[in-house]
Amino acid sequence: MPRPPLFILLDGTWPEAGKMFRKSPWLTQFPVLSLALPSESQYGLRGSHGAGHHCTAEVAAALLMQTWYHAAANTLMAHFALFRHRYMAGKSHAPRGLSPAVTAEME
């Protein structure tokens, strides 16, 4: 059975990730992938640094989708949706309870 690919994701803002990449010369031996993320970020928990910026979970899901790991990508995004919903529900200004739509995503 072939081994699944290993991906290295630098978790941070674009400037932080660029700095990590430049300060880690051993990373230059690996290919760098460009990803096409088809939609706007769904994160919404913190302000984005610009249009087209996505959180690490969204980038990881796009990477999995583009490398034919569709089930893993869909599972990650379902967990991400549940996390976003529960995080917002925990805010003092948000209504309590988990919507049936988010619960259905996890089944």
PDB file of N, CA and C in Angstrom:
ATOM      1  N   MET A   1       0.848  -1.175   0.000  1.00  0.00           N
ATOM      2  CA  MET A   1       0.000   0.000   0.000  1.00  0.00           C
ATOM      3  C   MET A   1       0.897   1.243   0.000  1.00  0.00           C
ATOM      4  N   PRO A   2       0.629   2.197  -0.884  1.00  0.00           N
ATOM      5  CA  PRO A   2       1.463   3.400  -0.917  1.00  0.00           C
ATOM      6  C   PRO A   2       1.239   4.268   0.327  1.00  0.00           C
ATOM      7  N   ARG A   3       2.295   4.909   0.737  1.00  0.00           N
ATOM      8  CA  ARG A   3       2.194   5.804   1.890  1.00  0.00           C
ATOM      9  C   ARG A   3       1.487   7.090   1.480  1.00  0.00           C
ATOM     10  N   PRO A   4       0.629   7.611   2.340  1.00  0.00           N
ATOM     11  CA  PRO A   4      -0.035   8.875   2.002  1.00  0.00           C
ATOM     12  C   PRO A   4       0.989  10.009   2.014  1.00  0.00           C
ATOM     13  N   PRO A   5       0.735  11.056   1.264  1.00  0.00           N
ATOM     14  CA  PRO A   5       1.681  12.174   1.237  1.00  0.00           C
ATOM     15  C   PRO A   5       1.721  12.900   2.579  1.00  0.00           C
ATOM     16  N   LEU A   6       2.817  13.544   2.835  1.00  0.00           N
ATOM     17  CA  LEU A   6       3.003  14.345   4.044  1.00  0.00           C
ATOM     18  C   LEU A   6       3.014  15.806   3.622  1.00  0.00           C
ATOM     19  N   PHE A   7       2.211  16.622   4.280  1.00  0.00           N
ATOM     20  CA  PHE A   7       2.145  18.045   3.974  1.00  0.00           C
ATOM     21  C   PHE A   7       2.605  18.837   5.187  1.00  0.00           C
ATOM     22  N   ILE A   8       3.295  19.912   4.940  1.00  0.00           N
ATOM     23  CA  ILE A   8       3.713  20.822   6.003  1.00  0.00           C
ATOM     24  C   ILE A   8       2.942  22.111   5.795  1.00  0.00           C
ATOM     25  N   LEU A   9       2.130  22.484   6.782  1.00  0.00           N
ATOM     26  CA  LEU A   9       1.355  23.721   6.724  1.00  0.00           C
ATOM     27  C   LEU A   9       1.938  24.690   7.741  1.00  0.00           C
ATOM     28  N   LEU A  10       2.279  25.877   7.306  1.00  0.00           N
ATOM     29  CA  LEU A  10       2.770  26.899   8.217  1.00  0.00           C
ATOM     30  C   LEU A  10       1.565  27.689   8.717  1.00  0.00           C
ATOM     31  N   ASP A  11       1.304  27.587  10.002  1.00  0.00           N
ATOM     32  CA  ASP A  11       0.120  28.184  10.599  1.00  0.00           C
ATOM     33  C   ASP A  11       0.442  29.587  11.081  1.00  0.00           C
ATOM     34  N   GLY A  12      -0.096  30.566  10.389  1.00  0.00           N
ATOM     35  CA  GLY A  12       0.120  31.954  10.768  1.00  0.00           C
ATOM     36  C   GLY A  12      -0.402  32.875   9.685  1.00  0.00           C
ATOM     37  N   THR A  13      -0.282  34.165   9.918  1.00  0.00           N
ATOM     38  CA  THR A  13      -0.666  35.128   8.885  1.00  0.00           C
ATOM     39  C   THR A  13       0.317  35.007   7.722  1.00  0.00           C
ATOM     40  N   TRP A  14      -0.016  35.618   6.588  1.00  0.00           N
ATOM     41  CA  TRP A  14       0.901  35.565   5.440  1.00  0.00           C
ATOM     42  C   TRP A  14       2.289  36.083   5.810  1.00  0.00           C
ATOM     43  N   PRO A  15       2.402  37.242   6.477  1.00  0.00           N
ATOM     44  CA  PRO A  15       3.749  37.712   6.850  1.00  0.00           C
ATOM     45  C   PRO A  15       4.470  36.742   7.801  1.00  0.00           C
ATOM     46  N   GLU A  16       3.740  36.172   8.770  1.00  0.00           N
ATOM     47  CA  GLU A  16       4.359  35.230   9.707  1.00  0.00           C
ATOM     48  C   GLU A  16       4.823  33.968   8.992  1.00  0.00           C
ATOM     49  N   ALA A  17       3.977  33.434   8.109  1.00  0.00           N
ATOM     50  CA  ALA A  17       4.338  32.216   7.378  1.00  0.00           C
ATOM     51  C   ALA A  17       5.545  32.464   6.470  1.00  0.00           C
ATOM     52  N   GLY A  18       5.579  33.625   5.833  1.00  0.00           N
ATOM     53  CA  GLY A  18       6.732  33.964   4.993  1.00  0.00           C
ATOM     54  C   GLY A  18       8.013  34.030   5.801  1.00  0.00           C
ATOM     55  N   LYS A  19       7.920  34.594   6.986  1.00  0.00           N
ATOM     56  CA  LYS A  19       9.084  34.685   7.869  1.00  0.00           C
ATOM     57  C   LYS A  19       9.538  33.290   8.316  1.00  0.00           C
ATOM     58  N   MET A  20       8.576  32.430   8.677  1.00  0.00           N
ATOM     59  CA  MET A  20       8.923  31.060   9.066  1.00  0.00           C
ATOM     60  C   MET A  20       9.600  30.330   7.909  1.00  0.00           C
ATOM     61  N   PHE A  21       9.075  30.521   6.710  1.00  0.00           N
ATOM     62  CA  PHE A  21       9.632  29.846   5.534  1.00  0.00           C
ATOM     63  C   PHE A  21      11.066  30.313   5.267  1.00  0.00           C
ATOM     64  N   ARG A  22      11.293  31.622   5.331  1.00  0.00           N
ATOM     65  CA  ARG A  22      12.640  32.169   5.084  1.00  0.00           C
ATOM     66  C   ARG A  22      13.631  31.751   6.163  1.00  0.00           C
ATOM     67  N   LYS A  23      13.172  31.588   7.396  1.00  0.00           N
ATOM     68  CA  LYS A  23      14.066  31.221   8.499  1.00  0.00           C
ATOM     69  C   LYS A  23      14.258  29.712   8.628  1.00  0.00           C
ATOM     70  N   SER A  24      13.646  28.939   7.751  1.00  0.00           N
ATOM     71  CA  SER A  24      13.761  27.476   7.790  1.00  0.00           C
ATOM     72  C   SER A  24      14.284  26.988   6.447  1.00  0.00           C
ATOM     73  N   PRO A  25      15.588  27.101   6.209  1.00  0.00           N
ATOM     74  CA  PRO A  25      16.119  26.736   4.886  1.00  0.00           C
ATOM     75  C   PRO A  25      15.878  25.282   4.503  1.00  0.00           C
ATOM     76  N   TRP A  26      15.672  24.391   5.456  1.00  0.00           N
ATOM     77  CA  TRP A  26      15.412  22.988   5.138  1.00  0.00           C
ATOM     78  C   TRP A  26      14.094  22.816   4.398  1.00  0.00           C
ATOM     79  N   LEU A  27      13.177  23.807   4.494  1.00  0.00           N
ATOM     80  CA  LEU A  27      11.905  23.718   3.785  1.00  0.00           C
ATOM     81  C   LEU A  27      12.072  23.866   2.270  1.00  0.00           C
ATOM     82  N   THR A  28      13.176  24.444   1.833  1.00  0.00           N
ATOM     83  CA  THR A  28      13.361  24.672   0.392  1.00  0.00           C
ATOM     84  C   THR A  28      13.502  23.376  -0.397  1.00  0.00           C
ATOM     85  N   GLN A  29      13.781  22.275   0.280  1.00  0.00           N
ATOM     86  CA  GLN A  29      13.912  20.995  -0.422  1.00  0.00           C
ATOM     87  C   GLN A  29      12.559  20.391  -0.805  1.00  0.00           C
ATOM     88  N   PHE A  30      11.465  20.960  -0.290  1.00  0.00           N
ATOM     89  CA  PHE A  30      10.134  20.428  -0.557  1.00  0.00           C
ATOM     90  C   PHE A  30       9.415  21.279  -1.598  1.00  0.00           C
ATOM     91  N   PRO A  31       8.558  20.639  -2.393  1.00  0.00           N
ATOM     92  CA  PRO A  31       7.767  21.429  -3.348  1.00  0.00           C
ATOM     93  C   PRO A  31       6.753  22.304  -2.616  1.00  0.00           C
ATOM     94  N   VAL A  32       6.458  23.437  -3.207  1.00  0.00           N
ATOM     95  CA  VAL A  32       5.459  24.359  -2.666  1.00  0.00           C
ATOM     96  C   VAL A  32       4.245  24.287  -3.582  1.00  0.00           C
ATOM     97  N   LEU A  33       3.088  24.077  -2.997  1.00  0.00           N
ATOM     98  CA  LEU A  33       1.860  23.952  -3.778  1.00  0.00           C
ATOM     99  C   LEU A  33       1.072  25.247  -3.754  1.00  0.00           C
ATOM    100  N   SER A  34       0.475  25.569  -4.872  1.00  0.00           N
ATOM    101  CA  SER A  34      -0.474  26.676  -4.945  1.00  0.00           C
ATOM    102  C   SER A  34      -1.861  26.077  -4.921  1.00  0.00           C
ATOM    103  N   LEU A  35      -2.704  26.640  -4.101  1.00  0.00           N
ATOM    104  CA  LEU A  35      -4.061  26.120  -3.965  1.00  0.00           C
ATOM    105  C   LEU A  35      -5.063  27.141  -4.473  1.00  0.00           C
ATOM    106  N   ALA A  36      -6.081  26.651  -5.103  1.00  0.00           N
ATOM    107  CA  ALA A  36      -7.191  27.494  -5.532  1.00  0.00           C
ATOM    108  C   ALA A  36      -8.336  27.276  -4.554  1.00  0.00           C
ATOM    109  N   LEU A  37      -8.567  28.234  -3.698  1.00  0.00           N
ATOM    110  CA  LEU A  37      -9.679  28.139  -2.757  1.00  0.00           C
ATOM    111  C   LEU A  37     -10.871  28.838  -3.394  1.00  0.00           C
ATOM    112  N   PRO A  38     -11.942  28.077  -3.655  1.00  0.00           N
ATOM    113  CA  PRO A  38     -13.024  28.571  -4.492  1.00  0.00           C
ATOM    114  C   PRO A  38     -13.957  29.599  -3.857  1.00  0.00           C
ATOM    115  N   SER A  39     -13.915  29.757  -2.554  1.00  0.00           N
ATOM    116  CA  SER A  39     -14.888  30.647  -1.931  1.00  0.00           C
ATOM    117  C   SER A  39     -14.219  31.569  -0.919  1.00  0.00           C
ATOM    118  N   GLU A  40     -15.007  32.480  -0.419  1.00  0.00           N
ATOM    119  CA  GLU A  40     -14.531  33.351   0.644  1.00  0.00           C
ATOM    120  C   GLU A  40     -14.376  32.538   1.926  1.00  0.00           C
ATOM    121  N   SER A  41     -13.533  33.001   2.808  1.00  0.00           N
ATOM    122  CA  SER A  41     -13.311  32.315   4.074  1.00  0.00           C
ATOM    123  C   SER A  41     -14.603  32.256   4.884  1.00  0.00           C
ATOM    124  N   GLN A  42     -14.828  31.129   5.514  1.00  0.00           N
ATOM    125  CA  GLN A  42     -15.987  30.943   6.379  1.00  0.00           C
ATOM    126  C   GLN A  42     -15.639  31.183   7.845  1.00  0.00           C
ATOM    127  N   TYR A  43     -14.375  31.480   8.130  1.00  0.00           N
ATOM    128  CA  TYR A  43     -13.916  31.554   9.509  1.00  0.00           C
ATOM    129  C   TYR A  43     -14.710  32.569  10.310  1.00  0.00           C
ATOM    130  N   GLY A  44     -14.578  33.825   9.999  1.00  0.00           N
ATOM    131  CA  GLY A  44     -15.391  34.863  10.599  1.00  0.00           C
ATOM    132  C   GLY A  44     -15.223  35.087  12.091  1.00  0.00           C
ATOM    133  N   LEU A  45     -14.282  34.406  12.737  1.00  0.00           N
ATOM    134  CA  LEU A  45     -14.118  34.580  14.179  1.00  0.00           C
ATOM    135  C   LEU A  45     -13.143  35.701  14.505  1.00  0.00           C
ATOM    136  N   ARG A  46     -12.248  35.955  13.594  1.00  0.00           N
ATOM    137  CA  ARG A  46     -11.313  37.077  13.717  1.00  0.00           C
ATOM    138  C   ARG A  46     -11.248  37.751  12.364  1.00  0.00           C
ATOM    139  N   GLY A  47     -10.855  39.000  12.366  1.00  0.00           N
ATOM    140  CA  GLY A  47     -10.762  39.732  11.109  1.00  0.00           C
ATOM    141  C   GLY A  47      -9.658  39.188  10.221  1.00  0.00           C
ATOM    142  N   SER A  48      -9.922  39.153   8.931  1.00  0.00           N
ATOM    143  CA  SER A  48      -8.936  38.709   7.958  1.00  0.00           C
ATOM    144  C   SER A  48      -7.999  39.867   7.633  1.00  0.00           C
ATOM    145  N   HIS A  49      -6.793  39.520   7.217  1.00  0.00           N
ATOM    146  CA  HIS A  49      -5.834  40.547   6.828  1.00  0.00           C
ATOM    147  C   HIS A  49      -6.037  40.991   5.386  1.00  0.00           C
ATOM    148  N   GLY A  50      -6.974  40.425   4.700  1.00  0.00           N
ATOM    149  CA  GLY A  50      -7.255  40.815   3.334  1.00  0.00           C
ATOM    150  C   GLY A  50      -8.149  39.814   2.641  1.00  0.00           C
ATOM    151  N   ALA A  51      -8.673  40.228   1.505  1.00  0.00           N
ATOM    152  CA  ALA A  51      -9.542  39.342   0.733  1.00  0.00           C
ATOM    153  C   ALA A  51      -8.747  38.126   0.264  1.00  0.00           C
ATOM    154  N   GLY A  52      -9.378  36.973   0.273  1.00  0.00           N
ATOM    155  CA  GLY A  52      -8.720  35.759  -0.187  1.00  0.00           C
ATOM    156  C   GLY A  52      -7.903  35.044   0.865  1.00  0.00           C
ATOM    157  N   HIS A  53      -7.857  35.570   2.076  1.00  0.00           N
ATOM    158  CA  HIS A  53      -7.131  34.895   3.152  1.00  0.00           C
ATOM    159  C   HIS A  53      -8.059  33.919   3.841  1.00  0.00           C
ATOM    160  N   HIS A  54      -7.535  32.745   4.142  1.00  0.00           N
ATOM    161  CA  HIS A  54      -8.316  31.686   4.757  1.00  0.00           C
ATOM    162  C   HIS A  54      -7.588  31.174   5.992  1.00  0.00           C
ATOM    163  N   CYS A  55      -8.342  30.560   6.895  1.00  0.00           N
ATOM    164  CA  CYS A  55      -7.710  29.992   8.081  1.00  0.00           C
ATOM    165  C   CYS A  55      -7.063  28.652   7.711  1.00  0.00           C
ATOM    166  N   THR A  56      -6.244  28.152   8.608  1.00  0.00           N
ATOM    167  CA  THR A  56      -5.468  26.935   8.353  1.00  0.00           C
ATOM    168  C   THR A  56      -6.352  25.736   8.052  1.00  0.00           C
ATOM    169  N   ALA A  57      -7.466  25.592   8.742  1.00  0.00           N
ATOM    170  CA  ALA A  57      -8.360  24.450   8.493  1.00  0.00           C
ATOM    171  C   ALA A  57      -8.918  24.496   7.071  1.00  0.00           C
ATOM    172  N   GLU A  58      -9.262  25.687   6.594  1.00  0.00           N
ATOM    173  CA  GLU A  58      -9.785  25.808   5.231  1.00  0.00           C
ATOM    174  C   GLU A  58      -8.710  25.470   4.198  1.00  0.00           C
ATOM    175  N   VAL A  59      -7.487  25.907   4.456  1.00  0.00           N
ATOM    176  CA  VAL A  59      -6.383  25.603   3.541  1.00  0.00           C
ATOM    177  C   VAL A  59      -6.099  24.104   3.542  1.00  0.00           C
ATOM    178  N   ALA A  60      -6.100  23.496   4.728  1.00  0.00           N
ATOM    179  CA  ALA A  60      -5.863  22.050   4.818  1.00  0.00           C
ATOM    180  C   ALA A  60      -6.948  21.274   4.075  1.00  0.00           C
ATOM    181  N   ALA A  61      -8.195  21.691   4.210  1.00  0.00           N
ATOM    182  CA  ALA A  61      -9.287  21.015   3.512  1.00  0.00           C
ATOM    183  C   ALA A  61      -9.139  21.163   2.000  1.00  0.00           C
ATOM    184  N   ALA A  62      -8.757  22.350   1.539  1.00  0.00           N
ATOM    185  CA  ALA A  62      -8.548  22.560   0.100  1.00  0.00           C
ATOM    186  C   ALA A  62      -7.402  21.696  -0.406  1.00  0.00           C
ATOM    187  N   LEU A  63      -6.350  21.581   0.380  1.00  0.00           N
ATOM    188  CA  LEU A  63      -5.214  20.738   0.012  1.00  0.00           C
ATOM    189  C   LEU A  63      -5.648  19.278  -0.092  1.00  0.00           C
ATOM    190  N   LEU A  64      -6.400  18.815   0.878  1.00  0.00           N
ATOM    191  CA  LEU A  64      -6.903  17.439   0.838  1.00  0.00           C
ATOM    192  C   LEU A  64      -7.813  17.220  -0.371  1.00  0.00           C
ATOM    193  N   MET A  65      -8.658  18.185  -0.659  1.00  0.00           N
ATOM    194  CA  MET A  65      -9.576  18.058  -1.790  1.00  0.00           C
ATOM    195  C   MET A  65      -8.802  17.993  -3.109  1.00  0.00           C
ATOM    196  N   GLN A  66      -7.779  18.836  -3.248  1.00  0.00           N
ATOM    197  CA  GLN A  66      -7.017  18.879  -4.499  1.00  0.00           C
ATOM    198  C   GLN A  66      -6.073  17.697  -4.661  1.00  0.00           C
ATOM    199  N   THR A  67      -5.850  16.955  -3.585  1.00  0.00           N
ATOM    200  CA  THR A  67      -4.991  15.768  -3.679  1.00  0.00           C
ATOM    201  C   THR A  67      -5.817  14.485  -3.550  1.00  0.00           C
ATOM    202  N   TRP A  68      -7.094  14.585  -3.840  1.00  0.00           N
ATOM    203  CA  TRP A  68      -8.011  13.450  -3.959  1.00  0.00           C
ATOM    204  C   TRP A  68      -8.371  12.788  -2.633  1.00  0.00           C
ATOM    205  N   TYR A  69      -8.220  13.476  -1.521  1.00  0.00           N
ATOM    206  CA  TYR A  69      -8.655  12.965  -0.222  1.00  0.00           C
ATOM    207  C   TYR A  69      -9.977  13.645   0.143  1.00  0.00           C
ATOM    208  N   HIS A  70     -10.989  13.434  -0.700  1.00  0.00           N
ATOM    209  CA  HIS A  70     -12.259  14.142  -0.569  1.00  0.00           C
ATOM    210  C   HIS A  70     -12.966  13.850   0.744  1.00  0.00           C
ATOM    211  N   ALA A  71     -12.998  12.601   1.175  1.00  0.00           N
ATOM    212  CA  ALA A  71     -13.684  12.256   2.428  1.00  0.00           C
ATOM    213  C   ALA A  71     -13.026  12.964   3.610  1.00  0.00           C
ATOM    214  N   ALA A  72     -11.707  12.987   3.628  1.00  0.00           N
ATOM    215  CA  ALA A  72     -10.997  13.670   4.719  1.00  0.00           C
ATOM    216  C   ALA A  72     -11.268  15.173   4.684  1.00  0.00           C
ATOM    217  N   ALA A  73     -11.289  15.754   3.494  1.00  0.00           N
ATOM    218  CA  ALA A  73     -11.559  17.193   3.354  1.00  0.00           C
ATOM    219  C   ALA A  73     -12.964  17.514   3.851  1.00  0.00           C
ATOM    220  N   ASN A  74     -13.932  16.714   3.457  1.00  0.00           N
ATOM    221  CA  ASN A  74     -15.311  16.950   3.884  1.00  0.00           C
ATOM    222  C   ASN A  74     -15.481  16.775   5.385  1.00  0.00           C
ATOM    223  N   THR A  75     -14.807  15.787   5.955  1.00  0.00           N
ATOM    224  CA  THR A  75     -14.868  15.576   7.406  1.00  0.00           C
ATOM    225  C   THR A  75     -14.248  16.756   8.147  1.00  0.00           C
ATOM    226  N   LEU A  76     -13.096  17.227   7.670  1.00  0.00           N
ATOM    227  CA  LEU A  76     -12.447  18.381   8.303  1.00  0.00           C
ATOM    228  C   LEU A  76     -13.363  19.600   8.257  1.00  0.00           C
ATOM    229  N   MET A  77     -13.994  19.857   7.116  1.00  0.00           N
ATOM    230  CA  MET A  77     -14.866  21.023   7.008  1.00  0.00           C
ATOM    231  C   MET A  77     -16.119  20.875   7.867  1.00  0.00           C
ATOM    232  N   ALA A  78     -16.623  19.661   8.045  1.00  0.00           N
ATOM    233  CA  ALA A  78     -17.773  19.453   8.927  1.00  0.00           C
ATOM    234  C   ALA A  78     -17.394  19.758  10.377  1.00  0.00           C
ATOM    235  N   HIS A  79     -16.226  19.296  10.790  1.00  0.00           N
ATOM    236  CA  HIS A  79     -15.757  19.605  12.147  1.00  0.00           C
ATOM    237  C   HIS A  79     -15.499  21.101  12.306  1.00  0.00           C
ATOM    238  N   PHE A  80     -14.990  21.721  11.271  1.00  0.00           N
ATOM    239  CA  PHE A  80     -14.728  23.159  11.297  1.00  0.00           C
ATOM    240  C   PHE A  80     -16.040  23.937  11.434  1.00  0.00           C
ATOM    241  N   ALA A  81     -17.083  23.521  10.709  1.00  0.00           N
ATOM    242  CA  ALA A  81     -18.387  24.175  10.815  1.00  0.00           C
ATOM    243  C   ALA A  81     -18.943  24.033  12.229  1.00  0.00           C
ATOM    244  N   LEU A  82     -18.809  22.846  12.798  1.00  0.00           N
ATOM    245  CA  LEU A  82     -19.275  22.618  14.164  1.00  0.00           C
ATOM    246  C   LEU A  82     -18.495  23.483  15.151  1.00  0.00           C
ATOM    247  N   PHE A  83     -17.177  23.556  14.984  1.00  0.00           N
ATOM    248  CA  PHE A  83     -16.356  24.401  15.848  1.00  0.00           C
ATOM    249  C   PHE A  83     -16.807  25.850  15.765  1.00  0.00           C
ATOM    250  N   ARG A  84     -16.982  26.376  14.547  1.00  0.00           N
ATOM    251  CA  ARG A  84     -17.402  27.783  14.372  1.00  0.00           C
ATOM    252  C   ARG A  84     -18.744  28.026  15.057  1.00  0.00           C
ATOM    253  N   HIS A  85     -19.669  27.106  14.842  1.00  0.00           N
ATOM    254  CA  HIS A  85     -21.003  27.266  15.431  1.00  0.00           C
ATOM    255  C   HIS A  85     -20.933  27.272  16.960  1.00  0.00           C
ATOM    256  N   ARG A  86     -20.226  26.315  17.512  1.00  0.00           N
ATOM    257  CA  ARG A  86     -20.147  26.231  18.983  1.00  0.00           C
ATOM    258  C   ARG A  86     -19.362  27.397  19.572  1.00  0.00           C
ATOM    259  N   TYR A  87     -18.357  27.858  18.872  1.00  0.00           N
ATOM    260  CA  TYR A  87     -17.599  29.017  19.348  1.00  0.00           C
ATOM    261  C   TYR A  87     -18.506  30.238  19.408  1.00  0.00           C
ATOM    262  N   MET A  88     -19.253  30.464  18.326  1.00  0.00           N
ATOM    263  CA  MET A  88     -20.144  31.620  18.304  1.00  0.00           C
ATOM    264  C   MET A  88     -21.269  31.472  19.326  1.00  0.00           C
ATOM    265  N   ALA A  89     -21.745  30.251  19.543  1.00  0.00           N
ATOM    266  CA  ALA A  89     -22.793  30.025  20.540  1.00  0.00           C
ATOM    267  C   ALA A  89     -22.287  30.332  21.946  1.00  0.00           C
ATOM    268  N   GLY A  90     -20.990  30.203  22.165  1.00  0.00           N
ATOM    269  CA  GLY A  90     -20.404  30.479  23.470  1.00  0.00           C
ATOM    270  C   GLY A  90     -20.182  31.953  23.741  1.00  0.00           C
ATOM    271  N   LYS A  91     -20.295  32.766  22.708  1.00  0.00           N
ATOM    272  CA  LYS A  91     -20.151  34.210  22.897  1.00  0.00           C
ATOM    273  C   LYS A  91     -21.362  34.723  23.668  1.00  0.00           C
ATOM    274  N   SER A  92     -21.178  35.738  24.480  1.00  0.00           N
ATOM    275  CA  SER A  92     -22.264  36.233  25.322  1.00  0.00           C
ATOM    276  C   SER A  92     -23.421  36.811  24.507  1.00  0.00           C
ATOM    277  N   HIS A  93     -23.170  37.299  23.311  1.00  0.00           N
ATOM    278  CA  HIS A  93     -24.216  37.916  22.502  1.00  0.00           C
ATOM    279  C   HIS A  93     -24.917  36.918  21.567  1.00  0.00           C
ATOM    280  N   ALA A  94     -24.454  35.683  21.532  1.00  0.00           N
ATOM    281  CA  ALA A  94     -25.001  34.699  20.583  1.00  0.00           C
ATOM    282  C   ALA A  94     -26.100  33.867  21.239  1.00  0.00           C
ATOM    283  N   PRO A  95     -27.095  33.459  20.468  1.00  0.00           N
ATOM    284  CA  PRO A  95     -28.115  32.563  21.022  1.00  0.00           C
ATOM    285  C   PRO A  95     -27.518  31.196  21.327  1.00  0.00           C
ATOM    286  N   ARG A  96     -28.046  30.518  22.325  1.00  0.00           N
ATOM    287  CA  ARG A  96     -27.556  29.194  22.736  1.00  0.00           C
ATOM    288  C   ARG A  96     -28.167  28.098  21.873  1.00  0.00           C
ATOM    289  N   GLY A  97     -27.508  26.945  21.846  1.00  0.00           N
ATOM    290  CA  GLY A  97     -28.070  25.790  21.156  1.00  0.00           C
ATOM    291  C   GLY A  97     -27.361  25.517  19.845  1.00  0.00           C
ATOM    292  N   LEU A  98     -27.415  24.292  19.444  1.00  0.00           N
ATOM    293  CA  LEU A  98     -26.782  23.848  18.213  1.00  0.00           C
ATOM    294  C   LEU A  98     -27.859  23.614  17.178  1.00  0.00           C
ATOM    295  N   SER A  99     -27.730  24.265  16.036  1.00  0.00           N
ATOM    296  CA  SER A  99     -28.759  24.135  15.014  1.00  0.00           C
ATOM    297  C   SER A  99     -28.771  22.736  14.425  1.00  0.00           C
ATOM    298  N   PRO A 100     -29.930  22.251  13.985  1.00  0.00           N
ATOM    299  CA  PRO A 100     -30.012  20.926  13.361  1.00  0.00           C
ATOM    300  C   PRO A 100     -29.129  20.813  12.130  1.00  0.00           C
ATOM    301  N   ALA A 101     -28.942  21.906  11.381  1.00  0.00           N
ATOM    302  CA  ALA A 101     -28.118  21.849  10.170  1.00  0.00           C
ATOM    303  C   ALA A 101     -26.677  21.512  10.503  1.00  0.00           C
ATOM    304  N   VAL A 102     -26.131  22.114  11.559  1.00  0.00           N
ATOM    305  CA  VAL A 102     -24.749  21.848  11.935  1.00  0.00           C
ATOM    306  C   VAL A 102     -24.625  20.437  12.496  1.00  0.00           C
ATOM    307  N   THR A 103     -25.593  20.017  13.295  1.00  0.00           N
ATOM    308  CA  THR A 103     -25.570  18.662  13.827  1.00  0.00           C
ATOM    309  C   THR A 103     -25.632  17.643  12.706  1.00  0.00           C
ATOM    310  N   ALA A 104     -26.432  17.888  11.686  1.00  0.00           N
ATOM    311  CA  ALA A 104     -26.558  16.966  10.556  1.00  0.00           C
ATOM    312  C   ALA A 104     -25.248  16.837   9.795  1.00  0.00           C
ATOM    313  N   GLU A 105     -24.462  17.923   9.734  1.00  0.00           N
ATOM    314  CA  GLU A 105     -23.168  17.875   9.040  1.00  0.00           C
ATOM    315  C   GLU A 105     -22.238  16.867   9.690  1.00  0.00           C
ATOM    316  N   MET A 106     -22.366  16.638  10.987  1.00  0.00           N
ATOM    317  CA  MET A 106     -21.465  15.776  11.713  1.00  0.00           C
ATOM    318  C   MET A 106     -21.865  14.311  11.628  1.00  0.00           C
ATOM    319  N   GLU A 107     -23.066  14.014  11.149  1.00  0.00           N
ATOM    320  CA  GLU A 107     -23.544  12.628  11.094  1.00  0.00           C
ATOM    321  C   GLU A 107     -23.090  11.936   9.832  1.00  0.00           C
TER     322      GLU A 107
END
